[in-house]
Each structure stands twice: as C-alpha cells, then as structure tokens.
Amino acid sequence: MIVKKLRPLIVSTILFLLTGCSSMYMPNVPATPMFRNQGEGYITGHVNTKGNISGSFGVAATNHVAVIANGSYVKNGIKSNEEFAQKLVEGGIGYFAKMGKNKRQVLEFYGGYGIGHTLNIDKRASTTGFEAVETREMDFDKIFVQVNYSSTKKRKLNLFGNKNELNYGTAIRLSRVGMTNFTIDGIDAQKEENLFIEPVFFTRLELFKGFQLQYTTGFNIGIIDNEYLKAGNSIFTLGVSYNFGRKK
C-alpha cells in the first residue's frame, strides 16, 4: 500500500533526474494486452508531446500462449539545437494466465526481437536557421524479455453517470540493445551495446466495452556506462487500447 502511494513520487523524481540526458536510444511503449482467453485480440496506439508515436498488436493463440508486435516512430527537434529521429519494430511470443480468487489479475511473460534505426543531429543557430555540427546515425537490434501484471478494480469508477472499469498495471522489460552499424559524420565509429531495465506503469479507464483510455509513464536504466547508447529517454504517453474477442 505504501509503495503504491509513493510510486508517482518515485517515478517523477527519476524522470526529473533523467531530464536533459542525450541518448541514441528511445524506448517504445511495450505491448500490455493482458489477455484472458483464446481468440482475444488487442490493438493500441500512443502519442506524446515529443512526437513519439507507438502502436501494438497482439492475439491470444491459445488459452495461455500469445504473440505480440510493436512499432514506434519519433521525429522532433527539426528547428532546435538537437534533432532526433527513430524507427523501431519488434515482435514476441509469450505466456499469460489469470490469477487471484476472482481472476481479476493477469500475469504475462514475453520474449522477442526487434530492429531499429536512429538519426541524431547536434546543431547550432545561424543567420539562415540551424546548421548541423555533428551527425550520428545507427542501426541496431534488440532482444527483450518482459513481465506484465495488471489488476482490475472491483468497484467501477462513476464517470458522467456511467460506471467505468478501471485497471492498472506494470510492465518490466529487460532489453539488450546493440548497434549493428554506427557512423559519426558519415565515418564508421566504435559500436556500443547496453542492457536496459525498462519499468513502465499504466492506468486504463474503459470508456465502453473493450475500448480503453490509457496513460503510461516509464523510464529506462542503462547497466553499461556508454557515451552514446545509454539511458536518458523516458516514456510519457496518452493512448487508447482495444481488446476484442474477450469472453465474460
């Protein structure tokens, strides 16, 4: 109970500490379908003020096995001192199960693989706009394992006279990210790799059957002290998710 009350403060503090760090890697919003039965599907989309767009899709192949796919795109800072652009796609397979006396909790385990590309440009202001000072570009791949947990409140939230289901959850991801190609100003540079711990916290409010509004926060921690491939970019998004094919 104490941890739950302190969680927003902990997250805010860590995000504050990480603000201003520059990294060649930006984590995407992980898939958190929280499946309950075979044949259930899941689709979601998220966006934030930095222009980071993420989407996920998943399907429960059996009563315990599911597959997921994620994609994200971000491009910002075109008219600023630093431009950042990244594309990332990934897929995975995992196991899910309902838990608790009333089966209100869901636990999921996933493992998967992804590839991506990042362009990072340092600039300086000039009389004609912004000029590039240093351009860094990398291709990368990633291997991840992920644990998802969610719980649905027994009492529903009253909103505009209707009772809406509210659930909250956590996804903890361990990602090994490695550069497959890295250049600085077009010249090959020393490749880096890192192991990231990526906790994510989400809250969902069901607006109508299967359709939910989702708020997500998170951060990443880099195990290796790198110069370019390091922690520093947080997750802060608002999105929608839709679960279909769910049995009562």
Protein backbone atom coordinates (compact mmCIF):
# COMPACT_ATOMS: atom_id res chain seq x y z
CA MET A 1 0.00 0.00 0.00
CA ILE A 2 2.84 2.42 0.90
CA VAL A 3 4.72 1.56 -2.29
CA LYS A 4 1.57 2.22 -4.35
CA LYS A 5 1.13 5.66 -2.73
CA LEU A 6 4.80 6.57 -3.26
CA ARG A 7 5.00 5.27 -6.82
CA PRO A 8 4.04 8.59 -8.53
CA LEU A 9 6.65 10.43 -6.46
CA ILE A 10 9.34 7.86 -7.27
CA VAL A 11 8.57 7.99 -10.99
CA SER A 12 8.50 11.81 -11.06
CA THR A 13 11.85 12.00 -9.25
CA ILE A 14 13.55 9.59 -11.62
CA LEU A 15 12.13 11.33 -14.68
CA PHE A 16 13.43 14.64 -13.33
CA LEU A 17 16.90 13.19 -12.85
CA LEU A 18 16.92 11.80 -16.36
CA THR A 19 15.74 15.01 -18.00
CA GLY A 20 18.38 16.56 -20.22
CA CYS A 21 20.31 13.35 -20.85
CA SER A 22 21.00 12.61 -24.52
CA SER A 23 20.81 9.05 -25.81
CA MET A 24 20.76 7.36 -29.20
CA TYR A 25 18.01 5.00 -27.99
CA MET A 26 14.43 5.86 -27.11
CA PRO A 27 12.31 3.06 -25.58
CA ASN A 28 8.90 2.39 -27.09
CA VAL A 29 5.66 1.71 -25.24
CA PRO A 30 5.65 -2.07 -24.69
CA ALA A 31 2.63 -4.22 -25.53
CA THR A 32 0.48 -4.93 -22.47
CA PRO A 33 -2.56 -6.81 -23.85
CA MET A 34 -3.38 -8.57 -20.56
CA PHE A 35 -5.08 -11.46 -22.35
CA ARG A 36 -7.68 -13.60 -20.62
CA ASN A 37 -8.77 -16.20 -23.19
CA GLN A 38 -8.01 -17.83 -26.54
CA GLY A 39 -9.02 -15.85 -29.61
CA GLU A 40 -8.79 -12.48 -27.88
CA GLY A 41 -7.18 -9.66 -29.87
CA TYR A 42 -5.52 -6.41 -28.86
CA ILE A 43 -4.62 -3.21 -30.68
CA THR A 44 -3.37 0.07 -29.26
CA GLY A 45 -1.88 3.44 -30.17
CA HIS A 46 0.02 6.02 -28.10
CA VAL A 47 1.43 9.51 -28.65
CA ASN A 48 3.23 12.17 -26.62
CA THR A 49 4.25 15.81 -26.95
CA LYS A 50 7.71 14.87 -28.29
CA GLY A 51 6.16 13.37 -31.41
CA ASN A 52 6.73 9.78 -30.30
CA ILE A 53 4.07 7.54 -31.87
CA SER A 54 3.79 3.90 -30.75
CA GLY A 55 1.44 1.10 -31.72
CA SER A 56 0.97 -2.53 -30.71
CA PHE A 57 -0.98 -5.56 -31.86
CA GLY A 58 -1.47 -8.97 -30.29
CA VAL A 59 -3.55 -12.12 -30.38
CA ALA A 60 -4.05 -14.99 -27.94
CA ALA A 61 -3.38 -18.16 -29.97
CA THR A 62 -4.42 -20.48 -27.13
CA ASN A 63 -5.70 -20.07 -23.57
CA HIS A 64 -2.12 -19.41 -22.43
CA VAL A 65 0.06 -18.58 -25.49
CA ALA A 66 0.05 -15.21 -27.29
CA VAL A 67 2.02 -13.31 -29.93
CA ILE A 68 2.64 -9.55 -29.96
CA ALA A 69 4.07 -6.95 -32.36
CA ASN A 70 5.16 -3.36 -31.62
CA GLY A 71 6.21 -0.40 -33.71
CA SER A 72 7.24 3.16 -32.93
CA TYR A 73 8.30 6.31 -34.77
CA VAL A 74 9.61 9.58 -33.41
CA LYS A 75 10.95 12.73 -35.06
CA ASN A 76 11.48 16.00 -33.25
CA GLY A 77 13.81 18.95 -32.89
CA ILE A 78 13.97 19.88 -36.58
CA LYS A 79 14.04 23.57 -35.65
CA SER A 80 16.15 23.27 -32.50
CA ASN A 81 19.70 22.55 -31.32
CA GLU A 82 19.18 18.79 -31.44
CA GLU A 83 17.24 16.69 -33.94
CA PHE A 84 16.24 13.14 -33.08
CA ALA A 85 14.51 10.54 -35.25
CA GLN A 86 13.98 6.84 -34.64
CA LYS A 87 12.11 3.93 -36.20
CA LEU A 88 11.65 0.65 -34.30
CA VAL A 89 9.73 -2.59 -34.93
CA GLU A 90 9.66 -5.73 -32.80
CA GLY A 91 7.73 -8.92 -32.19
CA GLY A 92 7.47 -11.54 -29.49
CA ILE A 93 5.74 -14.60 -28.11
CA GLY A 94 4.69 -15.34 -24.56
CA TYR A 95 2.55 -16.92 -21.87
CA PHE A 96 -0.41 -15.43 -19.98
CA ALA A 97 -2.62 -16.53 -17.10
CA LYS A 98 -5.41 -15.17 -14.89
CA MET A 99 -4.72 -15.02 -11.17
CA GLY A 100 -6.43 -14.37 -7.87
CA LYS A 101 -9.60 -15.63 -6.23
CA ASN A 102 -11.85 -13.68 -8.58
CA LYS A 103 -9.46 -13.86 -11.56
CA ARG A 104 -9.11 -10.06 -11.60
CA GLN A 105 -5.31 -10.16 -12.01
CA VAL A 106 -3.42 -11.10 -15.17
CA LEU A 107 0.25 -12.11 -15.44
CA GLU A 108 2.11 -12.25 -18.77
CA PHE A 109 5.64 -13.23 -19.84
CA TYR A 110 7.04 -12.31 -23.27
CA GLY A 111 10.31 -12.63 -25.13
CA GLY A 112 11.12 -11.11 -28.51
CA TYR A 113 13.39 -9.45 -31.03
CA GLY A 114 13.42 -6.05 -32.73
CA ILE A 115 15.35 -3.83 -35.14
CA GLY A 116 15.58 -0.06 -35.50
CA HIS A 117 17.33 2.99 -36.92
CA THR A 118 18.25 6.28 -35.21
CA LEU A 119 19.42 9.65 -36.57
CA ASN A 120 20.71 12.21 -34.05
CA ILE A 121 21.99 15.65 -35.16
CA ASP A 122 23.58 18.31 -32.97
CA LYS A 123 23.01 21.79 -34.42
CA ARG A 124 23.88 25.43 -33.85
CA ALA A 125 21.87 28.52 -34.66
CA SER A 126 22.91 30.63 -37.63
CA THR A 127 21.56 33.54 -39.64
CA THR A 128 19.92 31.07 -42.03
CA GLY A 129 18.47 28.76 -39.36
CA PHE A 130 20.14 25.76 -37.74
CA GLU A 131 23.33 24.14 -39.10
CA ALA A 132 24.49 20.60 -38.33
CA VAL A 133 27.55 20.37 -36.06
CA GLU A 134 27.67 16.59 -35.65
CA THR A 135 25.52 13.86 -37.20
CA ARG A 136 25.27 10.45 -35.55
CA GLU A 137 23.43 7.56 -37.19
CA MET A 138 22.97 3.97 -36.10
CA ASP A 139 21.20 0.75 -36.98
CA PHE A 140 20.50 -1.51 -34.02
CA ASP A 141 18.84 -4.70 -32.92
CA LYS A 142 17.38 -5.70 -29.58
CA ILE A 143 16.43 -8.81 -27.65
CA PHE A 144 13.95 -8.38 -24.82
CA VAL A 145 12.18 -10.29 -22.07
CA GLN A 146 9.16 -8.74 -20.40
CA VAL A 147 6.82 -9.34 -17.47
CA ASN A 148 3.34 -7.71 -17.38
CA TYR A 149 0.98 -7.57 -14.42
CA SER A 150 -2.42 -5.88 -14.15
CA SER A 151 -5.31 -5.79 -11.74
CA THR A 152 -8.92 -4.67 -12.28
CA LYS A 153 -10.68 -2.73 -9.54
CA LYS A 154 -13.75 -4.46 -8.12
CA ARG A 155 -15.51 -1.11 -7.77
CA LYS A 156 -16.09 0.75 -11.02
CA LEU A 157 -15.47 4.47 -11.45
CA ASN A 158 -18.51 6.72 -11.89
CA LEU A 159 -17.96 8.96 -14.91
CA PHE A 160 -20.72 11.15 -16.38
CA GLY A 161 -23.32 8.96 -14.73
CA ASN A 162 -21.85 5.69 -16.03
CA LYS A 163 -19.81 3.08 -14.17
CA ASN A 164 -16.49 2.56 -15.95
CA GLU A 165 -13.98 -0.21 -15.30
CA LEU A 166 -10.57 0.93 -14.06
CA ASN A 167 -7.43 -1.19 -14.12
CA TYR A 168 -3.78 -0.52 -13.54
CA GLY A 169 -0.61 -2.44 -14.19
CA THR A 170 3.14 -2.65 -14.56
CA ALA A 171 5.42 -3.92 -17.31
CA ILE A 172 9.09 -4.58 -16.53
CA ARG A 173 11.26 -5.16 -19.57
CA LEU A 174 14.91 -6.21 -19.82
CA SER A 175 16.34 -5.23 -23.23
CA ARG A 176 19.74 -5.93 -24.72
CA VAL A 177 20.28 -3.27 -27.41
CA GLY A 178 23.32 -3.39 -29.70
CA MET A 179 24.50 -1.26 -32.60
CA THR A 180 24.85 -3.13 -35.88
CA ASN A 181 26.11 -0.02 -37.68
CA PHE A 182 27.25 3.33 -36.28
CA THR A 183 28.64 6.41 -38.02
CA ILE A 184 29.60 9.93 -36.91
CA ASP A 185 29.54 12.47 -39.73
CA GLY A 186 29.45 9.57 -42.17
CA ILE A 187 32.57 7.87 -40.76
CA ASP A 188 32.39 4.44 -39.10
CA ALA A 189 32.69 4.68 -35.30
CA GLN A 190 33.09 2.24 -32.43
CA LYS A 191 29.86 0.29 -31.88
CA GLU A 192 28.24 0.10 -28.45
CA GLU A 193 25.72 -2.14 -26.76
CA ASN A 194 23.83 -1.88 -23.50
CA LEU A 195 21.46 -3.72 -21.20
CA PHE A 196 18.43 -1.65 -20.26
CA ILE A 197 15.96 -2.15 -17.42
CA GLU A 198 12.69 -0.53 -18.53
CA PRO A 199 9.87 -0.31 -15.95
CA VAL A 200 6.53 1.00 -17.22
CA PHE A 201 3.37 1.87 -15.26
CA PHE A 202 -0.03 2.21 -16.88
CA THR A 203 -3.61 3.04 -15.93
CA ARG A 204 -6.62 2.22 -18.13
CA LEU A 205 -10.14 3.59 -17.98
CA GLU A 206 -12.73 1.68 -20.01
CA LEU A 207 -14.90 4.13 -21.96
CA PHE A 208 -17.10 1.40 -23.45
CA LYS A 209 -16.82 -2.35 -23.99
CA GLY A 210 -13.23 -3.23 -24.85
CA PHE A 211 -12.23 0.36 -25.62
CA GLN A 212 -9.95 1.97 -23.04
CA LEU A 213 -8.10 5.23 -22.47
CA GLN A 214 -4.54 4.56 -21.30
CA TYR A 215 -1.99 6.73 -19.52
CA THR A 216 1.59 5.39 -19.48
CA THR A 217 4.75 6.51 -17.68
CA GLY A 218 8.15 4.86 -17.54
CA PHE A 219 11.90 5.23 -17.71
CA ASN A 220 14.99 3.20 -18.54
CA ILE A 221 18.19 2.36 -16.69
CA GLY A 222 21.38 1.50 -18.57
CA ILE A 223 23.71 -1.06 -17.00
CA ILE A 224 26.76 -0.10 -19.12
CA ASP A 225 28.27 3.39 -18.96
CA ASN A 226 28.33 4.26 -22.68
CA GLU A 227 28.88 7.55 -24.45
CA TYR A 228 26.04 7.27 -26.97
CA LEU A 229 23.92 4.17 -26.34
CA LYS A 230 22.76 4.93 -22.80
CA ALA A 231 19.69 5.66 -20.71
CA GLY A 232 18.07 9.06 -20.72
CA ASN A 233 14.79 8.99 -22.64
CA SER A 234 11.60 8.43 -20.64
CA ILE A 235 8.10 7.29 -21.59
CA PHE A 236 5.17 9.62 -21.03
CA THR A 237 2.23 8.95 -23.35
CA LEU A 238 -1.53 9.07 -23.66
CA GLY A 239 -3.25 6.50 -25.84
CA VAL A 240 -6.14 4.18 -26.49
CA SER A 241 -6.35 0.39 -26.44
CA TYR A 242 -8.97 -2.01 -27.68
CA ASN A 243 -9.43 -5.64 -26.62
CA PHE A 244 -11.83 -7.70 -28.74
CA GLY A 245 -12.97 -11.29 -28.54
CA ARG A 246 -12.87 -11.33 -24.75
CA LYS A 247 -15.23 -13.79 -23.06
CA LYS A 248 -17.19 -12.84 -19.98
